[in-house]
PDB file of all heavy atoms in Angstrom:
ATOM      1  N   ILE A   1     -25.779  60.915-136.929  1.00  0.00           N
ATOM      2  CA  ILE A   1     -25.344  60.135-135.744  1.00  0.00           C
ATOM      3  C   ILE A   1     -24.220  60.968-135.098  1.00  0.00           C
ATOM      4  O   ILE A   1     -23.129  61.141-135.671  1.00  0.00           O
ATOM      5  CB  ILE A   1     -24.762  58.752-136.120  1.00  0.00           C
ATOM      6  CG1 ILE A   1     -25.848  57.876-136.827  1.00  0.00           C
ATOM      7  CG2 ILE A   1     -24.292  58.012-134.800  1.00  0.00           C
ATOM      8  CD1 ILE A   1     -25.283  56.543-137.328  1.00  0.00           C
ATOM      9  N   ASP A   2     -24.535  61.387-133.820  1.00  0.00           N
ATOM     10  CA  ASP A   2     -23.538  62.155-133.000  1.00  0.00           C
ATOM     11  C   ASP A   2     -23.091  63.473-133.600  1.00  0.00           C
ATOM     12  O   ASP A   2     -23.311  63.752-134.773  1.00  0.00           O
ATOM     13  CB  ASP A   2     -22.357  61.221-132.722  1.00  0.00           C
ATOM     14  CG  ASP A   2     -22.643  60.103-131.836  1.00  0.00           C
ATOM     15  OD1 ASP A   2     -23.676  60.197-131.062  1.00  0.00           O
ATOM     16  OD2 ASP A   2     -21.991  59.057-131.847  1.00  0.00           O
ATOM     17  N   CYS A   3     -22.484  64.262-132.700  1.00  0.00           N
ATOM     18  CA  CYS A   3     -22.024  65.537-133.160  1.00  0.00           C
ATOM     19  C   CYS A   3     -20.964  66.036-132.075  1.00  0.00           C
ATOM     20  O   CYS A   3     -21.264  66.822-131.168  1.00  0.00           O
ATOM     21  CB  CYS A   3     -23.174  66.523-133.162  1.00  0.00           C
ATOM     22  SG  CYS A   3     -22.844  68.068-133.906  1.00  0.00           S
ATOM     23  N   GLY A   4     -19.699  65.561-132.225  1.00  0.00           N
ATOM     24  CA  GLY A   4     -18.766  65.761-131.215  1.00  0.00           C
ATOM     25  C   GLY A   4     -17.724  66.856-131.483  1.00  0.00           C
ATOM     26  O   GLY A   4     -17.639  67.434-132.526  1.00  0.00           O
ATOM     27  N   ILE A   5     -16.960  67.016-130.483  1.00  0.00           N
ATOM     28  CA  ILE A   5     -15.722  67.999-130.595  1.00  0.00           C
ATOM     29  C   ILE A   5     -14.444  67.181-130.569  1.00  0.00           C
ATOM     30  O   ILE A   5     -14.423  66.013-130.182  1.00  0.00           O
ATOM     31  CB  ILE A   5     -15.723  69.004-129.475  1.00  0.00           C
ATOM     32  CG1 ILE A   5     -15.578  68.351-128.151  1.00  0.00           C
ATOM     33  CG2 ILE A   5     -16.943  69.887-129.524  1.00  0.00           C
ATOM     34  CD1 ILE A   5     -15.281  69.198-126.975  1.00  0.00           C
ATOM     35  N   SER A   6     -13.399  67.876-130.924  1.00  0.00           N
ATOM     36  CA  SER A   6     -12.045  67.338-130.636  1.00  0.00           C
ATOM     37  C   SER A   6     -11.321  68.508-129.941  1.00  0.00           C
ATOM     38  O   SER A   6     -11.777  69.670-129.970  1.00  0.00           O
ATOM     39  CB  SER A   6     -11.293  66.866-131.816  1.00  0.00           C
ATOM     40  OG  SER A   6     -11.135  67.930-132.758  1.00  0.00           O
ATOM     41  N   PHE A   7     -10.219  68.204-129.295  1.00  0.00           N
ATOM     42  CA  PHE A   7      -9.494  69.215-128.599  1.00  0.00           C
ATOM     43  C   PHE A   7      -8.351  69.740-129.460  1.00  0.00           C
ATOM     44  O   PHE A   7      -7.786  69.081-130.382  1.00  0.00           O
ATOM     45  CB  PHE A   7      -8.984  68.707-127.267  1.00  0.00           C
ATOM     46  CG  PHE A   7     -10.166  68.445-126.368  1.00  0.00           C
ATOM     47  CD1 PHE A   7     -10.653  67.153-126.207  1.00  0.00           C
ATOM     48  CD2 PHE A   7     -10.720  69.432-125.744  1.00  0.00           C
ATOM     49  CE1 PHE A   7     -11.691  66.914-125.329  1.00  0.00           C
ATOM     50  CE2 PHE A   7     -11.837  69.289-124.824  1.00  0.00           C
ATOM     51  CZ  PHE A   7     -12.295  67.940-124.680  1.00  0.00           C
ATOM     52  N   PRO A   8      -7.921  70.985-129.300  1.00  0.00           N
ATOM     53  CA  PRO A   8      -6.957  71.617-130.197  1.00  0.00           C
ATOM     54  C   PRO A   8      -5.569  70.950-130.109  1.00  0.00           C
ATOM     55  O   PRO A   8      -5.143  70.504-129.082  1.00  0.00           O
ATOM     56  CB  PRO A   8      -6.906  73.071-129.725  1.00  0.00           C
ATOM     57  CG  PRO A   8      -7.403  73.108-128.366  1.00  0.00           C
ATOM     58  CD  PRO A   8      -8.396  71.922-128.264  1.00  0.00           C
ATOM     59  N   GLU A   9      -4.883  70.944-131.304  1.00  0.00           N
ATOM     60  CA  GLU A   9      -3.530  70.536-131.307  1.00  0.00           C
ATOM     61  C   GLU A   9      -2.625  71.609-130.667  1.00  0.00           C
ATOM     62  O   GLU A   9      -3.064  72.746-130.429  1.00  0.00           O
ATOM     63  CB  GLU A   9      -3.041  70.390-132.849  1.00  0.00           C
ATOM     64  CG  GLU A   9      -3.897  69.417-133.661  1.00  0.00           C
ATOM     65  CD  GLU A   9      -3.714  67.938-133.335  1.00  0.00           C
ATOM     66  OE1 GLU A   9      -2.607  67.635-132.786  1.00  0.00           O
ATOM     67  OE2 GLU A   9      -4.606  67.152-133.581  1.00  0.00           O
ATOM     68  N   GLU A  10      -1.364  71.249-130.401  1.00  0.00           N
ATOM     69  CA  GLU A  10      -0.473  72.177-129.703  1.00  0.00           C
ATOM     70  C   GLU A  10      -0.254  73.443-130.521  1.00  0.00           C
ATOM     71  O   GLU A  10       0.029  74.497-129.916  1.00  0.00           O
ATOM     72  CB  GLU A  10       0.845  71.468-129.453  1.00  0.00           C
ATOM     73  CG  GLU A  10       0.861  70.544-128.295  1.00  0.00           C
ATOM     74  CD  GLU A  10       2.268  70.058-127.857  1.00  0.00           C
ATOM     75  OE1 GLU A  10       3.205  70.561-128.413  1.00  0.00           O
ATOM     76  OE2 GLU A  10       2.279  69.064-127.108  1.00  0.00           O
ATOM     77  N   ASP A  11      -0.295  73.360-131.826  1.00  0.00           N
ATOM     78  CA  ASP A  11      -0.005  74.596-132.682  1.00  0.00           C
ATOM     79  C   ASP A  11      -1.328  75.364-132.905  1.00  0.00           C
ATOM     80  O   ASP A  11      -1.229  76.330-133.681  1.00  0.00           O
ATOM     81  CB  ASP A  11       0.645  74.133-134.017  1.00  0.00           C
ATOM     82  CG  ASP A  11      -0.202  73.187-134.845  1.00  0.00           C
ATOM     83  OD1 ASP A  11      -1.270  72.685-134.266  1.00  0.00           O
ATOM     84  OD2 ASP A  11       0.149  72.871-135.975  1.00  0.00           O
ATOM     85  N   MET A  12      -2.411  74.995-132.311  1.00  0.00           N
ATOM     86  CA  MET A  12      -3.602  75.876-132.379  1.00  0.00           C
ATOM     87  C   MET A  12      -3.671  76.818-131.248  1.00  0.00           C
ATOM     88  O   MET A  12      -4.501  76.693-130.368  1.00  0.00           O
ATOM     89  CB  MET A  12      -4.865  74.957-132.474  1.00  0.00           C
ATOM     90  CG  MET A  12      -4.945  74.053-133.718  1.00  0.00           C
ATOM     91  SD  MET A  12      -6.396  73.017-133.652  1.00  0.00           S
ATOM     92  CE  MET A  12      -6.234  72.109-135.243  1.00  0.00           C
ATOM     93  N   TYR A  13      -2.842  77.777-131.277  1.00  0.00           N
ATOM     94  CA  TYR A  13      -2.633  78.709-130.157  1.00  0.00           C
ATOM     95  C   TYR A  13      -3.982  79.410-129.897  1.00  0.00           C
ATOM     96  O   TYR A  13      -4.584  80.068-130.757  1.00  0.00           O
ATOM     97  CB  TYR A  13      -1.553  79.735-130.517  1.00  0.00           C
ATOM     98  CG  TYR A  13      -0.226  79.103-130.744  1.00  0.00           C
ATOM     99  CD1 TYR A  13       0.170  78.753-132.021  1.00  0.00           C
ATOM    100  CD2 TYR A  13       0.692  78.931-129.655  1.00  0.00           C
ATOM    101  CE1 TYR A  13       1.486  78.219-132.219  1.00  0.00           C
ATOM    102  CE2 TYR A  13       1.872  78.309-129.845  1.00  0.00           C
ATOM    103  CZ  TYR A  13       2.326  77.952-131.149  1.00  0.00           C
ATOM    104  OH  TYR A  13       3.498  77.382-131.346  1.00  0.00           O
ATOM    105  N   GLY A  14      -4.391  79.290-128.608  1.00  0.00           N
ATOM    106  CA  GLY A  14      -5.558  80.055-128.150  1.00  0.00           C
ATOM    107  C   GLY A  14      -6.857  79.414-128.460  1.00  0.00           C
ATOM    108  O   GLY A  14      -7.925  79.906-127.961  1.00  0.00           O
ATOM    109  N   VAL A  15      -6.909  78.380-129.218  1.00  0.00           N
ATOM    110  CA  VAL A  15      -8.101  77.708-129.611  1.00  0.00           C
ATOM    111  C   VAL A  15      -8.666  76.837-128.481  1.00  0.00           C
ATOM    112  O   VAL A  15      -7.904  76.137-127.818  1.00  0.00           O
ATOM    113  CB  VAL A  15      -7.953  76.874-130.905  1.00  0.00           C
ATOM    114  CG1 VAL A  15      -9.187  76.085-131.286  1.00  0.00           C
ATOM    115  CG2 VAL A  15      -7.552  77.788-132.057  1.00  0.00           C
ATOM    116  N   ASP A  16     -10.018  76.968-128.277  1.00  0.00           N
ATOM    117  CA  ASP A  16     -10.623  76.210-127.155  1.00  0.00           C
ATOM    118  C   ASP A  16     -11.106  74.821-127.612  1.00  0.00           C
ATOM    119  O   ASP A  16     -10.885  73.862-126.874  1.00  0.00           O
ATOM    120  CB  ASP A  16     -11.819  77.014-126.499  1.00  0.00           C
ATOM    121  CG  ASP A  16     -11.295  78.359-126.013  1.00  0.00           C
ATOM    122  OD1 ASP A  16     -10.228  78.412-125.420  1.00  0.00           O
ATOM    123  OD2 ASP A  16     -11.998  79.343-126.222  1.00  0.00           O
ATOM    124  N   LEU A  17     -11.822  74.793-128.728  1.00  0.00           N
ATOM    125  CA  LEU A  17     -12.440  73.596-129.196  1.00  0.00           C
ATOM    126  C   LEU A  17     -12.341  73.541-130.701  1.00  0.00           C
ATOM    127  O   LEU A  17     -12.139  74.502-131.386  1.00  0.00           O
ATOM    128  CB  LEU A  17     -13.964  73.588-128.844  1.00  0.00           C
ATOM    129  CG  LEU A  17     -14.401  73.735-127.413  1.00  0.00           C
ATOM    130  CD1 LEU A  17     -15.962  73.900-127.426  1.00  0.00           C
ATOM    131  CD2 LEU A  17     -13.974  72.558-126.592  1.00  0.00           C
ATOM    132  N   VAL A  18     -12.406  72.318-131.209  1.00  0.00           N
ATOM    133  CA  VAL A  18     -12.548  72.107-132.661  1.00  0.00           C
ATOM    134  C   VAL A  18     -13.835  71.330-132.981  1.00  0.00           C
ATOM    135  O   VAL A  18     -14.117  70.259-132.385  1.00  0.00           O
ATOM    136  CB  VAL A  18     -11.310  71.318-133.184  1.00  0.00           C
ATOM    137  CG1 VAL A  18     -11.325  71.152-134.682  1.00  0.00           C
ATOM    138  CG2 VAL A  18      -9.990  71.880-132.757  1.00  0.00           C
ATOM    139  N   ILE A  19     -14.635  71.873-133.833  1.00  0.00           N
ATOM    140  CA  ILE A  19     -15.909  71.298-134.193  1.00  0.00           C
ATOM    141  C   ILE A  19     -15.975  70.950-135.637  1.00  0.00           C
ATOM    142  O   ILE A  19     -15.243  71.477-136.375  1.00  0.00           O
ATOM    143  CB  ILE A  19     -17.138  72.227-133.763  1.00  0.00           C
ATOM    144  CG1 ILE A  19     -17.053  73.538-134.521  1.00  0.00           C
ATOM    145  CG2 ILE A  19     -17.107  72.483-132.237  1.00  0.00           C
ATOM    146  CD1 ILE A  19     -18.276  74.485-134.307  1.00  0.00           C
ATOM    147  N   PRO A  20     -16.872  70.041-136.044  1.00  0.00           N
ATOM    148  CA  PRO A  20     -16.910  69.676-137.482  1.00  0.00           C
ATOM    149  C   PRO A  20     -17.599  70.725-138.298  1.00  0.00           C
ATOM    150  O   PRO A  20     -18.454  71.482-137.855  1.00  0.00           O
ATOM    151  CB  PRO A  20     -17.695  68.325-137.455  1.00  0.00           C
ATOM    152  CG  PRO A  20     -18.560  68.408-136.196  1.00  0.00           C
ATOM    153  CD  PRO A  20     -17.754  69.212-135.213  1.00  0.00           C
ATOM    154  N   ASP A  21     -17.178  70.678-139.526  1.00  0.00           N
ATOM    155  CA  ASP A  21     -17.879  71.548-140.579  1.00  0.00           C
ATOM    156  C   ASP A  21     -19.141  70.836-141.066  1.00  0.00           C
ATOM    157  O   ASP A  21     -19.027  69.716-141.683  1.00  0.00           O
ATOM    158  CB  ASP A  21     -16.793  71.739-141.733  1.00  0.00           C
ATOM    159  CG  ASP A  21     -17.330  72.657-142.876  1.00  0.00           C
ATOM    160  OD1 ASP A  21     -18.547  72.929-142.912  1.00  0.00           O
ATOM    161  OD2 ASP A  21     -16.516  73.132-143.645  1.00  0.00           O
ATOM    162  N   ILE A  22     -20.237  71.403-140.907  1.00  0.00           N
ATOM    163  CA  ILE A  22     -21.526  70.788-141.279  1.00  0.00           C
ATOM    164  C   ILE A  22     -22.125  71.542-142.467  1.00  0.00           C
ATOM    165  O   ILE A  22     -23.417  71.472-142.703  1.00  0.00           O
ATOM    166  CB  ILE A  22     -22.548  70.676-140.126  1.00  0.00           C
ATOM    167  CG1 ILE A  22     -22.874  72.115-139.581  1.00  0.00           C
ATOM    168  CG2 ILE A  22     -21.983  69.829-139.006  1.00  0.00           C
ATOM    169  CD1 ILE A  22     -24.139  72.115-138.742  1.00  0.00           C
ATOM    170  N   THR A  23     -21.298  72.055-143.354  1.00  0.00           N
ATOM    171  CA  THR A  23     -21.801  72.760-144.543  1.00  0.00           C
ATOM    172  C   THR A  23     -22.709  71.901-145.376  1.00  0.00           C
ATOM    173  O   THR A  23     -23.776  72.337-145.787  1.00  0.00           O
ATOM    174  CB  THR A  23     -20.625  73.261-145.451  1.00  0.00           C
ATOM    175  OG1 THR A  23     -19.809  74.114-144.648  1.00  0.00           O
ATOM    176  CG2 THR A  23     -21.122  73.939-146.711  1.00  0.00           C
ATOM    177  N   TYR A  24     -22.361  70.627-145.496  1.00  0.00           N
ATOM    178  CA  TYR A  24     -23.178  69.707-146.353  1.00  0.00           C
ATOM    179  C   TYR A  24     -24.610  69.612-145.757  1.00  0.00           C
ATOM    180  O   TYR A  24     -25.594  69.642-146.493  1.00  0.00           O
ATOM    181  CB  TYR A  24     -22.533  68.342-146.449  1.00  0.00           C
ATOM    182  CG  TYR A  24     -23.407  67.334-147.255  1.00  0.00           C
ATOM    183  CD1 TYR A  24     -23.399  67.424-148.651  1.00  0.00           C
ATOM    184  CD2 TYR A  24     -24.187  66.387-146.654  1.00  0.00           C
ATOM    185  CE1 TYR A  24     -24.150  66.545-149.421  1.00  0.00           C
ATOM    186  CE2 TYR A  24     -24.969  65.519-147.346  1.00  0.00           C
ATOM    187  CZ  TYR A  24     -24.914  65.569-148.791  1.00  0.00           C
ATOM    188  OH  TYR A  24     -25.674  64.725-149.520  1.00  0.00           O
ATOM    189  N   LEU A  25     -24.679  69.510-144.413  1.00  0.00           N
ATOM    190  CA  LEU A  25     -26.016  69.401-143.802  1.00  0.00           C
ATOM    191  C   LEU A  25     -26.788  70.708-143.927  1.00  0.00           C
ATOM    192  O   LEU A  25     -28.000  70.709-144.161  1.00  0.00           O
ATOM    193  CB  LEU A  25     -25.864  68.989-142.356  1.00  0.00           C
ATOM    194  CG  LEU A  25     -25.151  67.655-142.111  1.00  0.00           C
ATOM    195  CD1 LEU A  25     -24.986  67.387-140.615  1.00  0.00           C
ATOM    196  CD2 LEU A  25     -25.938  66.495-142.796  1.00  0.00           C
ATOM    197  N   VAL A  26     -26.134  71.822-143.730  1.00  0.00           N
ATOM    198  CA  VAL A  26     -26.777  73.110-143.866  1.00  0.00           C
ATOM    199  C   VAL A  26     -27.353  73.283-145.236  1.00  0.00           C
ATOM    200  O   VAL A  26     -28.464  73.759-145.468  1.00  0.00           O
ATOM    201  CB  VAL A  26     -25.868  74.270-143.440  1.00  0.00           C
ATOM    202  CG1 VAL A  26     -26.418  75.608-143.767  1.00  0.00           C
ATOM    203  CG2 VAL A  26     -25.426  74.143-142.033  1.00  0.00           C
ATOM    204  N   ASN A  27     -26.568  72.889-146.249  1.00  0.00           N
ATOM    205  CA  ASN A  27     -27.038  73.026-147.617  1.00  0.00           C
ATOM    206  C   ASN A  27     -28.144  72.065-147.981  1.00  0.00           C
ATOM    207  O   ASN A  27     -28.809  72.273-148.978  1.00  0.00           O
ATOM    208  CB  ASN A  27     -25.811  72.671-148.581  1.00  0.00           C
ATOM    209  CG  ASN A  27     -24.727  73.724-148.548  1.00  0.00           C
ATOM    210  OD1 ASN A  27     -25.018  74.884-148.004  1.00  0.00           O
ATOM    211  ND2 ASN A  27     -23.534  73.507-149.033  1.00  0.00           N
ATOM    212  N   ASN A  28     -28.305  71.017-147.133  1.00  0.00           N
ATOM    213  CA  ASN A  28     -29.405  70.070-147.383  1.00  0.00           C
ATOM    214  C   ASN A  28     -30.365  70.056-146.228  1.00  0.00           C
ATOM    215  O   ASN A  28     -30.906  69.057-145.773  1.00  0.00           O
ATOM    216  CB  ASN A  28     -28.885  68.661-147.624  1.00  0.00           C
ATOM    217  CG  ASN A  28     -28.049  68.520-148.931  1.00  0.00           C
ATOM    218  OD1 ASN A  28     -28.732  68.315-149.982  1.00  0.00           O
ATOM    219  ND2 ASN A  28     -26.796  68.735-148.900  1.00  0.00           N
ATOM    220  N   ALA A  29     -30.614  71.302-145.636  1.00  0.00           N
ATOM    221  CA  ALA A  29     -31.265  71.368-144.380  1.00  0.00           C
ATOM    222  C   ALA A  29     -32.720  70.737-144.398  1.00  0.00           C
ATOM    223  O   ALA A  29     -33.208  70.191-143.495  1.00  0.00           O
ATOM    224  CB  ALA A  29     -31.345  72.812-143.976  1.00  0.00           C
ATOM    225  N   ASP A  30     -33.362  70.869-145.553  1.00  0.00           N
ATOM    226  CA  ASP A  30     -34.731  70.324-145.722  1.00  0.00           C
ATOM    227  C   ASP A  30     -34.786  68.822-145.558  1.00  0.00           C
ATOM    228  O   ASP A  30     -35.837  68.257-145.302  1.00  0.00           O
ATOM    229  CB  ASP A  30     -35.365  70.778-146.991  1.00  0.00           C
ATOM    230  CG  ASP A  30     -34.550  70.420-148.210  1.00  0.00           C
ATOM    231  OD1 ASP A  30     -33.291  70.432-148.095  1.00  0.00           O
ATOM    232  OD2 ASP A  30     -35.065  70.033-149.281  1.00  0.00           O
ATOM    233  N   LYS A  31     -33.642  68.151-145.818  1.00  0.00           N
ATOM    234  CA  LYS A  31     -33.565  66.713-145.758  1.00  0.00           C
ATOM    235  C   LYS A  31     -33.302  66.216-144.285  1.00  0.00           C
ATOM    236  O   LYS A  31     -33.556  64.994-144.018  1.00  0.00           O
ATOM    237  CB  LYS A  31     -32.528  66.163-146.676  1.00  0.00           C
ATOM    238  CG  LYS A  31     -32.818  66.278-148.214  1.00  0.00           C
ATOM    239  CD  LYS A  31     -31.714  65.640-148.953  1.00  0.00           C
ATOM    240  CE  LYS A  31     -31.945  65.730-150.511  1.00  0.00           C
ATOM    241  NZ  LYS A  31     -30.883  65.004-151.188  1.00  0.00           N
ATOM    242  N   VAL A  32     -32.670  67.014-143.529  1.00  0.00           N
ATOM    243  CA  VAL A  32     -32.135  66.512-142.208  1.00  0.00           C
ATOM    244  C   VAL A  32     -33.271  66.414-141.198  1.00  0.00           C
ATOM    245  O   VAL A  32     -33.919  67.423-140.857  1.00  0.00           O
ATOM    246  CB  VAL A  32     -31.050  67.524-141.649  1.00  0.00           C
ATOM    247  CG1 VAL A  32     -30.404  66.877-140.376  1.00  0.00           C
ATOM    248  CG2 VAL A  32     -29.929  67.685-142.745  1.00  0.00           C
ATOM    249  N   LYS A  33     -33.528  65.166-140.728  1.00  0.00           N
ATOM    250  CA  LYS A  33     -34.774  64.929-139.928  1.00  0.00           C
ATOM    251  C   LYS A  33     -34.450  64.794-138.472  1.00  0.00           C
ATOM    252  O   LYS A  33     -35.368  64.817-137.660  1.00  0.00           O
ATOM    253  CB  LYS A  33     -35.410  63.619-140.462  1.00  0.00           C
ATOM    254  CG  LYS A  33     -35.760  63.637-141.882  1.00  0.00           C
ATOM    255  CD  LYS A  33     -36.655  64.792-142.300  1.00  0.00           C
ATOM    256  CE  LYS A  33     -36.985  64.808-143.792  1.00  0.00           C
ATOM    257  NZ  LYS A  33     -37.709  66.030-144.236  1.00  0.00           N
ATOM    258  N   GLY A  34     -33.146  64.563-138.083  1.00  0.00           N
ATOM    259  CA  GLY A  34     -32.983  64.425-136.646  1.00  0.00           C
ATOM    260  C   GLY A  34     -31.469  64.026-136.439  1.00  0.00           C
ATOM    261  O   GLY A  34     -30.790  63.503-137.321  1.00  0.00           O
ATOM    262  N   ILE A  35     -31.050  64.254-135.191  1.00  0.00           N
ATOM    263  CA  ILE A  35     -29.699  63.851-134.819  1.00  0.00           C
ATOM    264  C   ILE A  35     -29.811  62.804-133.694  1.00  0.00           C
ATOM    265  O   ILE A  35     -30.584  63.017-132.734  1.00  0.00           O
ATOM    266  CB  ILE A  35     -28.858  65.090-134.365  1.00  0.00           C
ATOM    267  CG1 ILE A  35     -27.452  64.571-134.085  1.00  0.00           C
ATOM    268  CG2 ILE A  35     -29.477  65.847-133.265  1.00  0.00           C
ATOM    269  CD1 ILE A  35     -26.406  65.765-134.189  1.00  0.00           C
ATOM    270  N   PHE A  36     -29.130  61.684-133.772  1.00  0.00           N
ATOM    271  CA  PHE A  36     -29.305  60.534-132.923  1.00  0.00           C
ATOM    272  C   PHE A  36     -28.001  60.366-132.166  1.00  0.00           C
ATOM    273  O   PHE A  36     -26.953  60.129-132.849  1.00  0.00           O
ATOM    274  CB  PHE A  36     -29.737  59.318-133.740  1.00  0.00           C
ATOM    275  CG  PHE A  36     -31.063  59.525-134.442  1.00  0.00           C
ATOM    276  CD1 PHE A  36     -31.133  60.194-135.604  1.00  0.00           C
ATOM    277  CD2 PHE A  36     -32.200  59.068-133.866  1.00  0.00           C
ATOM    278  CE1 PHE A  36     -32.381  60.448-136.239  1.00  0.00           C
ATOM    279  CE2 PHE A  36     -33.368  59.186-134.510  1.00  0.00           C
ATOM    280  CZ  PHE A  36     -33.526  59.924-135.665  1.00  0.00           C
TER     281      PHE A  36
END
């Protein structure tokens, strides 16, 4: 469900966006059927 961004904190110098770590989904890629 969903796949959003957050915006950088003040101490994240030069960073444009913050995205989630989807390692768990990549490791279980054969199980992932869709994003809603």
